[in-house]
N, C-alpha and C. Protein backbone atom coordinates (compact mmCIF):
# COMPACT_ATOMS: atom_id res chain seq x y z
N MET A 1 170.25 58.20 -9.10
CA MET A 1 170.57 56.87 -8.59
C MET A 1 169.39 55.94 -8.86
N ALA A 2 169.60 54.97 -9.69
CA ALA A 2 168.51 54.05 -10.06
C ALA A 2 168.28 53.02 -8.97
N ASN A 3 167.06 52.59 -8.87
CA ASN A 3 166.67 51.55 -7.93
C ASN A 3 167.12 50.21 -8.49
N ALA A 4 167.92 49.48 -7.75
CA ALA A 4 168.46 48.20 -8.22
C ALA A 4 167.35 47.21 -8.57
N ALA A 5 166.28 47.19 -7.80
CA ALA A 5 165.21 46.21 -8.03
C ALA A 5 164.43 46.51 -9.31
N SER A 6 164.19 47.78 -9.60
CA SER A 6 163.33 48.09 -10.73
C SER A 6 164.02 48.96 -11.78
N GLY A 7 165.25 49.42 -11.53
CA GLY A 7 165.92 50.29 -12.47
C GLY A 7 165.33 51.69 -12.50
N MET A 8 164.61 52.08 -11.46
CA MET A 8 163.89 53.35 -11.45
C MET A 8 164.71 54.44 -10.77
N ALA A 9 164.87 55.57 -11.44
CA ALA A 9 165.53 56.72 -10.85
C ALA A 9 164.45 57.66 -10.30
N VAL A 10 164.82 58.49 -9.35
CA VAL A 10 163.89 59.48 -8.80
C VAL A 10 164.37 60.85 -9.24
N HIS A 11 163.52 61.57 -9.97
CA HIS A 11 163.87 62.90 -10.46
C HIS A 11 164.08 63.83 -9.26
N ASP A 12 165.08 64.71 -9.35
CA ASP A 12 165.39 65.63 -8.25
C ASP A 12 164.19 66.48 -7.83
N ASP A 13 163.34 66.86 -8.78
CA ASP A 13 162.16 67.67 -8.46
C ASP A 13 161.26 66.99 -7.44
N CYS A 14 161.20 65.67 -7.48
CA CYS A 14 160.33 64.94 -6.54
C CYS A 14 160.74 65.24 -5.10
N LYS A 15 162.03 65.16 -4.83
CA LYS A 15 162.51 65.42 -3.47
C LYS A 15 162.39 66.89 -3.11
N LEU A 16 162.70 67.78 -4.06
CA LEU A 16 162.62 69.22 -3.80
C LEU A 16 161.19 69.65 -3.47
N LYS A 17 160.24 69.21 -4.28
CA LYS A 17 158.84 69.60 -4.05
C LYS A 17 158.31 68.98 -2.76
N PHE A 18 158.74 67.76 -2.44
CA PHE A 18 158.33 67.14 -1.18
C PHE A 18 158.84 67.96 0.00
N LEU A 19 160.10 68.41 -0.07
CA LEU A 19 160.64 69.24 1.01
C LEU A 19 159.87 70.55 1.13
N GLU A 20 159.45 71.12 0.01
CA GLU A 20 158.64 72.35 0.05
C GLU A 20 157.28 72.08 0.69
N LEU A 21 156.68 70.93 0.38
CA LEU A 21 155.40 70.56 0.99
C LEU A 21 155.59 70.42 2.50
N LYS A 22 156.67 69.75 2.89
CA LYS A 22 156.90 69.45 4.31
C LYS A 22 157.30 70.71 5.11
N ALA A 23 158.22 71.49 4.60
CA ALA A 23 158.77 72.61 5.36
C ALA A 23 158.00 73.91 5.16
N LYS A 24 157.63 74.20 3.92
CA LYS A 24 157.00 75.50 3.62
C LYS A 24 155.49 75.40 3.43
N ARG A 25 155.02 74.17 3.28
CA ARG A 25 153.58 73.93 3.05
C ARG A 25 153.08 74.64 1.79
N ASN A 26 153.92 74.62 0.75
CA ASN A 26 153.57 75.24 -0.54
C ASN A 26 152.50 74.44 -1.28
N TYR A 27 152.36 73.17 -0.93
CA TYR A 27 151.43 72.28 -1.63
C TYR A 27 150.63 71.48 -0.61
N ARG A 28 149.42 71.08 -1.00
CA ARG A 28 148.60 70.20 -0.15
C ARG A 28 148.96 68.75 -0.45
N PHE A 29 149.23 68.48 -1.73
CA PHE A 29 149.56 67.10 -2.12
C PHE A 29 150.44 67.10 -3.36
N ILE A 30 151.07 65.95 -3.59
CA ILE A 30 151.86 65.73 -4.80
C ILE A 30 151.55 64.32 -5.31
N LEU A 31 151.24 64.23 -6.61
CA LEU A 31 151.11 62.94 -7.27
C LEU A 31 152.38 62.69 -8.08
N PHE A 32 152.86 61.47 -8.02
CA PHE A 32 154.06 61.08 -8.74
C PHE A 32 153.71 59.95 -9.71
N LYS A 33 154.40 59.92 -10.85
CA LYS A 33 154.21 58.82 -11.79
C LYS A 33 155.56 58.36 -12.31
N ILE A 34 155.57 57.16 -12.83
CA ILE A 34 156.79 56.61 -13.43
C ILE A 34 156.71 56.84 -14.93
N GLU A 35 157.75 57.49 -15.43
CA GLU A 35 157.79 57.85 -16.84
C GLU A 35 159.22 57.68 -17.34
N GLN A 36 159.42 56.93 -18.37
CA GLN A 36 160.74 56.71 -18.96
C GLN A 36 161.79 56.33 -17.92
N GLN A 37 161.48 55.30 -17.16
CA GLN A 37 162.40 54.73 -16.16
C GLN A 37 162.77 55.67 -15.02
N GLN A 38 161.93 56.69 -14.77
CA GLN A 38 162.18 57.50 -13.57
C GLN A 38 160.86 57.99 -12.98
N ILE A 39 160.91 58.29 -11.68
CA ILE A 39 159.74 58.80 -10.98
C ILE A 39 159.76 60.32 -11.11
N VAL A 40 158.65 60.86 -11.61
CA VAL A 40 158.54 62.31 -11.84
C VAL A 40 157.24 62.82 -11.22
N ILE A 41 157.11 64.14 -11.13
CA ILE A 41 155.89 64.74 -10.59
C ILE A 41 154.80 64.72 -11.65
N ASP A 42 153.62 64.26 -11.23
CA ASP A 42 152.46 64.23 -12.11
C ASP A 42 151.57 65.45 -11.85
N LYS A 43 151.37 65.80 -10.57
CA LYS A 43 150.51 66.94 -10.24
C LYS A 43 150.87 67.49 -8.87
N LEU A 44 150.83 68.83 -8.77
CA LEU A 44 151.03 69.52 -7.49
C LEU A 44 149.69 70.11 -7.07
N GLY A 45 149.27 69.82 -5.85
CA GLY A 45 148.00 70.36 -5.34
C GLY A 45 148.25 71.66 -4.59
N GLU A 46 147.48 72.67 -4.91
CA GLU A 46 147.60 73.96 -4.23
C GLU A 46 147.25 73.82 -2.75
N PRO A 47 147.81 74.70 -1.89
CA PRO A 47 147.56 74.59 -0.44
C PRO A 47 146.08 74.61 -0.04
N ASN A 48 145.24 75.26 -0.85
CA ASN A 48 143.81 75.37 -0.50
C ASN A 48 142.97 74.23 -1.05
N GLU A 49 143.59 73.26 -1.74
CA GLU A 49 142.82 72.15 -2.31
C GLU A 49 142.40 71.16 -1.21
N SER A 50 141.27 70.51 -1.45
CA SER A 50 140.68 69.62 -0.44
C SER A 50 141.12 68.17 -0.66
N TYR A 51 140.71 67.32 0.27
CA TYR A 51 140.98 65.89 0.13
C TYR A 51 140.24 65.33 -1.08
N ASP A 52 139.04 65.85 -1.36
CA ASP A 52 138.29 65.42 -2.55
C ASP A 52 139.03 65.79 -3.83
N ASP A 53 139.62 66.99 -3.85
CA ASP A 53 140.43 67.39 -5.02
C ASP A 53 141.57 66.40 -5.21
N PHE A 54 142.17 66.01 -4.10
CA PHE A 54 143.29 65.05 -4.13
C PHE A 54 142.85 63.71 -4.71
N THR A 55 141.79 63.12 -4.12
CA THR A 55 141.38 61.78 -4.56
C THR A 55 140.86 61.78 -6.00
N SER A 56 140.30 62.90 -6.45
CA SER A 56 139.81 62.94 -7.84
C SER A 56 140.95 63.15 -8.84
N SER A 57 142.16 63.39 -8.36
CA SER A 57 143.31 63.58 -9.24
C SER A 57 143.91 62.27 -9.73
N PHE A 58 143.55 61.17 -9.07
CA PHE A 58 144.11 59.87 -9.45
C PHE A 58 143.47 59.36 -10.74
N PRO A 59 144.26 58.88 -11.70
CA PRO A 59 143.67 58.29 -12.90
C PRO A 59 143.00 56.96 -12.56
N ALA A 60 141.92 56.64 -13.26
CA ALA A 60 141.14 55.44 -12.96
C ALA A 60 141.87 54.15 -13.33
N ASP A 61 142.78 54.22 -14.30
CA ASP A 61 143.38 52.99 -14.81
C ASP A 61 144.91 53.02 -14.87
N GLU A 62 145.52 53.90 -14.08
CA GLU A 62 146.98 53.95 -14.01
C GLU A 62 147.43 54.06 -12.56
N CYS A 63 148.57 53.47 -12.26
CA CYS A 63 149.14 53.53 -10.91
C CYS A 63 149.75 54.90 -10.66
N ARG A 64 149.84 55.27 -9.39
CA ARG A 64 150.50 56.51 -8.98
C ARG A 64 151.00 56.33 -7.55
N TYR A 65 151.97 57.17 -7.19
CA TYR A 65 152.34 57.36 -5.80
C TYR A 65 151.84 58.76 -5.46
N ALA A 66 151.58 59.00 -4.18
CA ALA A 66 151.15 60.34 -3.78
C ALA A 66 151.48 60.58 -2.32
N VAL A 67 151.63 61.86 -1.99
CA VAL A 67 151.74 62.28 -0.60
C VAL A 67 150.70 63.37 -0.37
N PHE A 68 150.15 63.39 0.83
CA PHE A 68 149.14 64.38 1.20
C PHE A 68 149.47 64.92 2.58
N ASP A 69 149.40 66.23 2.72
CA ASP A 69 149.64 66.89 4.00
C ASP A 69 148.28 67.08 4.67
N PHE A 70 148.00 66.23 5.65
CA PHE A 70 146.69 66.18 6.28
C PHE A 70 146.68 67.00 7.58
N ASP A 71 145.86 68.04 7.62
CA ASP A 71 145.70 68.87 8.82
C ASP A 71 144.58 68.31 9.68
N PHE A 72 144.78 68.35 10.99
CA PHE A 72 143.73 67.88 11.90
C PHE A 72 143.91 68.56 13.25
N THR A 73 142.87 68.45 14.07
CA THR A 73 142.89 69.01 15.42
C THR A 73 142.82 67.86 16.41
N THR A 74 143.73 67.85 17.38
CA THR A 74 143.76 66.77 18.37
C THR A 74 142.64 66.98 19.40
N GLU A 75 142.45 65.98 20.26
CA GLU A 75 141.45 66.10 21.32
C GLU A 75 141.80 67.24 22.28
N GLU A 76 143.09 67.58 22.34
CA GLU A 76 143.54 68.68 23.20
C GLU A 76 143.41 70.03 22.49
N ASN A 77 142.77 70.02 21.31
CA ASN A 77 142.54 71.21 20.50
C ASN A 77 143.82 71.81 19.93
N CYS A 78 144.78 70.95 19.60
CA CYS A 78 146.03 71.39 18.98
C CYS A 78 145.95 71.14 17.48
N GLN A 79 146.38 72.13 16.70
CA GLN A 79 146.45 71.96 15.25
C GLN A 79 147.69 71.14 14.91
N LYS A 80 147.51 70.08 14.18
CA LYS A 80 148.63 69.23 13.77
C LYS A 80 148.50 68.90 12.30
N SER A 81 149.57 68.31 11.79
CA SER A 81 149.60 67.91 10.39
C SER A 81 150.43 66.64 10.28
N LYS A 82 149.98 65.72 9.45
CA LYS A 82 150.75 64.51 9.17
C LYS A 82 150.78 64.31 7.67
N ILE A 83 151.94 63.93 7.18
CA ILE A 83 152.08 63.63 5.76
C ILE A 83 151.97 62.13 5.59
N PHE A 84 151.07 61.72 4.69
CA PHE A 84 150.96 60.29 4.45
C PHE A 84 151.19 59.99 2.97
N PHE A 85 151.53 58.75 2.73
CA PHE A 85 151.90 58.25 1.40
C PHE A 85 150.82 57.29 0.93
N ILE A 86 150.44 57.41 -0.34
CA ILE A 86 149.49 56.47 -0.93
C ILE A 86 150.14 55.79 -2.13
N ALA A 87 150.02 54.49 -2.16
CA ALA A 87 150.40 53.70 -3.33
C ALA A 87 149.10 53.31 -4.03
N TRP A 88 148.80 53.98 -5.13
CA TRP A 88 147.56 53.78 -5.88
C TRP A 88 147.81 52.76 -6.99
N SER A 89 147.10 51.67 -6.95
CA SER A 89 147.27 50.60 -7.94
C SER A 89 145.90 50.02 -8.29
N PRO A 90 145.14 50.73 -9.14
CA PRO A 90 143.78 50.27 -9.43
C PRO A 90 143.77 48.92 -10.15
N ASP A 91 142.74 48.15 -9.88
CA ASP A 91 142.60 46.83 -10.49
C ASP A 91 142.63 46.90 -12.01
N SER A 92 142.16 48.02 -12.58
CA SER A 92 142.07 48.15 -14.03
C SER A 92 143.40 48.52 -14.70
N SER A 93 144.44 48.79 -13.91
CA SER A 93 145.73 49.12 -14.54
C SER A 93 146.42 47.86 -15.04
N LYS A 94 147.37 48.05 -15.94
CA LYS A 94 148.07 46.92 -16.55
C LYS A 94 148.94 46.21 -15.51
N VAL A 95 149.05 44.90 -15.64
CA VAL A 95 149.82 44.08 -14.69
C VAL A 95 151.28 44.55 -14.64
N ARG A 96 151.87 44.82 -15.79
CA ARG A 96 153.27 45.27 -15.82
C ARG A 96 153.44 46.56 -15.03
N MET A 97 152.50 47.50 -15.21
CA MET A 97 152.56 48.77 -14.49
C MET A 97 152.49 48.52 -12.98
N LYS A 98 151.58 47.65 -12.55
CA LYS A 98 151.45 47.34 -11.11
C LYS A 98 152.75 46.78 -10.57
N MET A 99 153.39 45.91 -11.35
CA MET A 99 154.64 45.30 -10.90
C MET A 99 155.76 46.33 -10.77
N VAL A 100 155.87 47.24 -11.74
CA VAL A 100 156.91 48.27 -11.69
C VAL A 100 156.70 49.19 -10.49
N TYR A 101 155.47 49.61 -10.26
CA TYR A 101 155.18 50.48 -9.12
C TYR A 101 155.44 49.75 -7.81
N ALA A 102 155.03 48.50 -7.72
CA ALA A 102 155.23 47.74 -6.48
C ALA A 102 156.71 47.55 -6.18
N SER A 103 157.52 47.29 -7.20
CA SER A 103 158.94 47.04 -6.97
C SER A 103 159.73 48.32 -6.68
N SER A 104 159.20 49.48 -7.02
CA SER A 104 159.91 50.74 -6.81
C SER A 104 159.47 51.48 -5.55
N LYS A 105 158.33 51.08 -4.99
CA LYS A 105 157.70 51.86 -3.92
C LYS A 105 158.57 52.06 -2.69
N ASP A 106 159.12 50.99 -2.13
CA ASP A 106 159.84 51.12 -0.86
C ASP A 106 161.05 52.04 -0.97
N ARG A 107 161.79 51.89 -2.03
CA ARG A 107 162.96 52.75 -2.18
C ARG A 107 162.54 54.21 -2.37
N PHE A 108 161.51 54.44 -3.17
CA PHE A 108 161.04 55.81 -3.38
C PHE A 108 160.56 56.42 -2.06
N LYS A 109 159.82 55.64 -1.30
CA LYS A 109 159.29 56.13 -0.02
C LYS A 109 160.43 56.51 0.93
N ARG A 110 161.53 55.78 0.88
CA ARG A 110 162.68 56.11 1.74
C ARG A 110 163.31 57.45 1.37
N GLU A 111 163.15 57.87 0.11
CA GLU A 111 163.68 59.17 -0.34
C GLU A 111 162.90 60.33 0.29
N LEU A 112 161.68 60.06 0.72
CA LEU A 112 160.80 61.11 1.23
C LEU A 112 160.76 61.01 2.75
N ASP A 113 161.63 61.73 3.40
CA ASP A 113 161.75 61.66 4.85
C ASP A 113 160.65 62.48 5.52
N GLY A 114 159.88 61.86 6.40
CA GLY A 114 158.85 62.58 7.13
C GLY A 114 157.45 62.06 6.88
N ILE A 115 157.34 60.88 6.31
CA ILE A 115 156.02 60.29 6.06
C ILE A 115 155.54 59.59 7.33
N SER A 116 154.31 59.91 7.75
CA SER A 116 153.76 59.35 8.99
C SER A 116 153.21 57.94 8.80
N PHE A 117 152.50 57.72 7.71
CA PHE A 117 151.93 56.39 7.47
C PHE A 117 151.67 56.22 5.98
N GLU A 118 151.37 54.98 5.60
CA GLU A 118 151.16 54.64 4.20
C GLU A 118 149.83 53.93 4.02
N LEU A 119 149.17 54.22 2.91
CA LEU A 119 147.97 53.50 2.52
C LEU A 119 148.21 52.86 1.16
N GLN A 120 147.69 51.64 0.99
CA GLN A 120 147.68 50.98 -0.31
C GLN A 120 146.24 51.03 -0.78
N ALA A 121 146.01 51.47 -2.01
CA ALA A 121 144.64 51.56 -2.49
C ALA A 121 144.50 51.01 -3.91
N THR A 122 143.46 50.20 -4.10
CA THR A 122 143.15 49.68 -5.44
C THR A 122 141.85 50.28 -5.95
N ASP A 123 141.08 50.90 -5.06
CA ASP A 123 139.91 51.68 -5.49
C ASP A 123 139.71 52.82 -4.49
N PRO A 124 138.97 53.87 -4.89
CA PRO A 124 138.86 55.07 -4.04
C PRO A 124 138.39 54.81 -2.62
N SER A 125 137.56 53.78 -2.40
CA SER A 125 137.05 53.53 -1.05
C SER A 125 138.18 53.18 -0.08
N GLU A 126 139.30 52.67 -0.59
CA GLU A 126 140.41 52.27 0.28
C GLU A 126 141.27 53.44 0.73
N MET A 127 140.95 54.64 0.22
CA MET A 127 141.67 55.83 0.70
C MET A 127 140.67 56.93 1.06
N SER A 128 139.52 56.51 1.58
CA SER A 128 138.50 57.48 1.98
C SER A 128 139.00 58.31 3.17
N LEU A 129 138.38 59.44 3.36
CA LEU A 129 138.75 60.33 4.46
C LEU A 129 138.59 59.65 5.81
N ASP A 130 137.58 58.79 5.95
CA ASP A 130 137.38 58.06 7.21
C ASP A 130 138.57 57.14 7.52
N ILE A 131 139.10 56.48 6.49
CA ILE A 131 140.25 55.60 6.69
C ILE A 131 141.47 56.42 7.11
N VAL A 132 141.66 57.56 6.46
CA VAL A 132 142.78 58.45 6.81
C VAL A 132 142.66 58.91 8.25
N LYS A 133 141.47 59.37 8.62
CA LYS A 133 141.26 59.83 10.00
C LYS A 133 141.50 58.70 11.00
N GLY A 134 141.11 57.49 10.63
CA GLY A 134 141.34 56.34 11.50
C GLY A 134 142.83 56.07 11.72
N ARG A 135 143.65 56.36 10.73
CA ARG A 135 145.09 56.14 10.86
C ARG A 135 145.76 57.28 11.63
N VAL A 136 145.19 58.49 11.54
CA VAL A 136 145.79 59.67 12.18
C VAL A 136 145.56 59.65 13.69
N PHE A 137 144.33 59.31 14.11
CA PHE A 137 143.99 59.40 15.53
C PHE A 137 144.26 58.13 16.28
């Protein structure tokens, strides 16, 4: 089903792998990219990969969408996890690419049920671990 605003389809694997991340915790993160008028998986992060591994997976000059399964401990000492969405749009990427990603984001995000919060980032400092922790707690 293509997105009316951008003509973008979402590959079935995107939803399947997201469900595996959410329900089975098979992955720590997933990077998605737009390729040939559809959103496809760019990279799957292994369950033992860190937040640094995640942030270093983003290309410096291309847009991406991503989800990360963030584990944390509450003040009551409970182990919890929240899945968050990142819209990565570096300043150095092409204007057309930024426009396509921006126009497809909301519909794609709706396909992924269970996202706790979203971050928009144009450089790595905008998705630092401190910012994530600030949104979680």
